[in-house]
């Protein structure tokens, strides 16, 4: 089963980025091209009934499978980056992290108004970053078609924060503690 293969590859890094946080590191998955392919195919299969015009990936780990998925599904890829990293005109959204505060940005011409955008990131924790990304999509006149995550930390109960934008939430690996 894919979830078991992924869990076997995901590495726990204790006290990163600060003491008390256990970081779920997906980079070991990237050493296995076949497993990466399986991840993309599984996302595409689970998303096949959702109308998607483009896929937005959140910096930086959301770029990894987000771009591969966009390519596989023949959809445009939209980078959502940390403040100051995009070269053209942007709009921004600030939010709280479980261990601080951050601001993300998107190009103001990233997509056409009314388009349906899937938001991808590697991990759903408290949902702050993804809610901020959702607000950016809506500020530009887009519709959040759904979400895809490699990992969901279900014990943080953050899915409810996303359903006001879309109830289409796909995760491949769930942790309940």
Protein backbone atom coordinates (compact mmCIF):
# COMPACT_ATOMS: atom_id res chain seq x y z
CA UNK A 1 0.00 0.00 0.00
CA UNK A 2 1.30 3.46 -0.92
CA UNK A 3 0.67 4.99 2.51
CA UNK A 4 2.81 2.32 4.16
CA UNK A 5 5.62 2.84 1.62
CA UNK A 6 5.54 6.57 2.23
CA UNK A 7 5.50 6.21 6.01
CA UNK A 8 8.54 3.94 5.73
CA UNK A 9 10.34 6.66 3.76
CA UNK A 10 9.31 9.74 5.74
CA UNK A 11 11.94 10.70 8.28
CA UNK A 12 11.15 12.26 11.67
CA UNK A 13 13.53 15.04 12.66
CA UNK A 14 13.16 15.95 16.32
CA UNK A 15 13.32 19.56 17.53
CA UNK A 16 13.24 21.10 14.05
CA UNK A 17 12.76 23.94 13.27
CA UNK A 18 12.57 24.51 17.00
CA UNK A 19 12.54 22.51 20.22
CA UNK A 20 9.34 20.50 20.66
CA UNK A 21 8.52 20.20 16.94
CA UNK A 22 8.88 16.84 15.17
CA UNK A 23 9.47 17.65 11.51
CA UNK A 24 8.16 15.18 8.94
CA UNK A 25 10.89 15.12 6.25
CA UNK A 26 9.72 14.00 2.80
CA UNK A 27 13.13 14.32 1.15
CA UNK A 28 13.93 10.59 1.50
CA UNK A 29 10.96 9.93 -0.82
CA UNK A 30 12.80 11.88 -3.51
CA UNK A 31 15.56 9.25 -3.62
CA UNK A 32 13.09 6.78 -5.12
CA UNK A 33 11.89 7.82 -8.61
CA UNK A 34 9.34 5.00 -8.77
CA UNK A 35 7.83 6.01 -5.42
CA UNK A 36 7.68 9.64 -6.62
CA UNK A 37 5.87 8.49 -9.74
CA UNK A 38 3.41 6.49 -7.63
CA UNK A 39 2.73 9.59 -5.51
CA UNK A 40 1.92 11.68 -8.58
CA UNK A 41 -0.26 8.98 -10.15
CA UNK A 42 -2.17 8.50 -6.88
CA UNK A 43 -2.80 12.23 -6.53
CA UNK A 44 -4.03 12.39 -10.13
CA UNK A 45 -6.33 9.42 -9.57
CA UNK A 46 -7.84 10.88 -6.41
CA UNK A 47 -8.28 14.30 -8.06
CA UNK A 48 -9.71 13.09 -11.39
CA UNK A 49 -13.29 14.11 -10.59
CA UNK A 50 -12.39 17.64 -9.48
CA UNK A 51 -12.35 20.38 -12.11
CA UNK A 52 -8.88 21.96 -11.95
CA UNK A 53 -7.53 24.71 -14.21
CA UNK A 54 -4.12 25.09 -12.53
CA UNK A 55 -2.10 23.81 -9.58
CA UNK A 56 -0.50 26.15 -7.04
CA UNK A 57 2.42 24.87 -4.98
CA UNK A 58 3.52 26.46 -1.73
CA UNK A 59 7.24 27.13 -1.27
CA UNK A 60 9.29 25.15 -1.00
CA UNK A 61 8.33 21.53 -0.52
CA UNK A 62 4.97 22.14 -2.18
CA UNK A 63 6.91 22.75 -5.38
CA UNK A 64 8.28 19.20 -5.45
CA UNK A 65 5.15 17.14 -6.07
CA UNK A 66 3.01 20.15 -7.02
CA UNK A 67 5.04 20.78 -10.15
CA UNK A 68 5.25 17.08 -11.01
CA UNK A 69 1.49 16.75 -10.57
CA UNK A 70 0.79 19.83 -12.71
CA UNK A 71 3.03 18.43 -15.43
CA UNK A 72 1.44 14.96 -15.21
CA UNK A 73 -2.08 16.45 -15.39
CA UNK A 74 -1.06 18.91 -18.14
CA UNK A 75 -2.01 21.93 -16.00
CA UNK A 76 -0.17 25.21 -15.42
CA UNK A 77 1.88 25.44 -12.22
CA UNK A 78 1.64 28.52 -9.99
CA UNK A 79 4.37 29.15 -7.41
CA UNK A 80 3.31 30.67 -4.10
CA UNK A 81 6.49 31.92 -2.50
CA UNK A 82 7.84 33.53 0.64
CA UNK A 83 7.78 37.31 0.64
CA UNK A 84 10.34 38.96 -1.62
CA UNK A 85 11.11 35.91 -3.78
CA UNK A 86 8.91 36.55 -6.83
CA UNK A 87 10.32 38.98 -9.43
CA UNK A 88 7.10 40.52 -10.77
CA UNK A 89 4.13 42.36 -9.21
CA UNK A 90 2.66 40.41 -6.33
CA UNK A 91 -0.07 40.36 -3.75
CA UNK A 92 0.68 39.04 -0.27
CA UNK A 93 -0.94 37.46 2.75
CA UNK A 94 0.54 37.24 6.25
CA UNK A 95 -0.29 34.46 8.68
CA UNK A 96 0.78 32.84 11.93
CA UNK A 97 2.78 29.64 11.99
CA UNK A 98 2.81 27.21 14.88
CA UNK A 99 6.28 28.64 15.62
CA UNK A 100 6.18 32.23 14.30
CA UNK A 101 4.78 34.44 11.55
CA UNK A 102 5.31 34.56 7.77
CA UNK A 103 4.11 36.22 4.59
CA UNK A 104 3.56 34.53 1.24
CA UNK A 105 3.07 36.06 -2.20
CA UNK A 106 1.72 35.22 -5.63
CA UNK A 107 2.16 37.04 -8.94
CA UNK A 108 -0.83 39.28 -9.58
CA UNK A 109 -1.21 37.72 -13.06
CA UNK A 110 -0.76 34.07 -11.99
CA UNK A 111 -4.12 32.99 -13.44
CA UNK A 112 -7.38 34.34 -14.87
CA UNK A 113 -10.25 35.35 -12.61
CA UNK A 114 -12.73 32.49 -12.17
CA UNK A 115 -10.20 29.72 -12.67
CA UNK A 116 -10.29 26.72 -10.35
CA UNK A 117 -7.00 26.28 -8.53
CA UNK A 118 -5.79 23.20 -6.65
CA UNK A 119 -3.44 24.11 -3.80
CA UNK A 120 -0.66 21.61 -3.08
CA UNK A 121 1.77 21.42 -0.18
CA UNK A 122 3.82 18.66 1.35
CA UNK A 123 2.18 18.77 4.77
CA UNK A 124 -1.02 19.95 6.44
CA UNK A 125 -0.28 20.88 10.05
CA UNK A 126 -2.18 23.80 11.60
CA UNK A 127 -3.34 25.02 8.19
CA UNK A 128 -2.07 28.60 8.51
CA UNK A 129 -0.01 28.58 5.33
CA UNK A 130 -2.72 26.90 3.29
CA UNK A 131 -5.42 29.27 4.54
CA UNK A 132 -3.17 32.20 3.54
CA UNK A 133 -2.66 30.62 0.09
CA UNK A 134 -6.42 30.16 -0.23
CA UNK A 135 -6.97 33.84 0.56
CA UNK A 136 -4.44 34.78 -2.13
CA UNK A 137 -6.31 32.66 -4.69
CA UNK A 138 -9.59 34.32 -3.76
CA UNK A 139 -8.05 37.84 -3.79
CA UNK A 140 -7.15 37.25 -7.44
CA UNK A 141 -10.68 36.09 -8.25
CA UNK A 142 -9.87 32.39 -8.30
CA UNK A 143 -11.79 29.50 -6.83
CA UNK A 144 -10.07 26.99 -4.58
CA UNK A 145 -10.90 23.69 -6.29
CA UNK A 146 -9.31 21.61 -3.55
CA UNK A 147 -6.13 20.67 -1.75
CA UNK A 148 -3.54 17.94 -1.99
CA UNK A 149 -0.99 17.04 0.68
CA UNK A 150 1.52 14.24 0.97
CA UNK A 151 1.07 14.29 4.77
CA UNK A 152 -1.71 15.38 7.12
CA UNK A 153 -1.19 15.72 10.86
CA UNK A 154 -4.80 14.87 11.65
CA UNK A 155 -4.34 15.25 15.41
CA UNK A 156 -4.07 19.03 14.87
CA UNK A 157 -7.64 19.08 13.49
CA UNK A 158 -6.92 21.68 10.80
CA UNK A 159 -9.13 20.34 7.99
CA UNK A 160 -12.01 22.41 9.33
CA UNK A 161 -10.04 25.58 8.59
CA UNK A 162 -9.92 24.62 4.90
CA UNK A 163 -13.52 23.57 4.28
CA UNK A 164 -14.72 27.17 4.06
CA UNK A 165 -12.68 27.33 0.82
CA UNK A 166 -13.16 23.74 -0.40
CA UNK A 167 -14.05 20.38 1.11
CA UNK A 168 -11.98 18.54 -1.53
CA UNK A 169 -8.93 17.52 0.54
CA UNK A 170 -6.64 14.71 -0.60
CA UNK A 171 -3.87 13.37 1.61
CA UNK A 172 -1.73 10.30 1.07
CA UNK A 173 -0.38 9.83 4.61
CA UNK A 174 -2.19 10.63 7.86
CA UNK A 175 -0.75 10.80 11.34
CA UNK A 176 -3.11 10.71 14.31
CA UNK A 177 -0.47 11.60 16.92
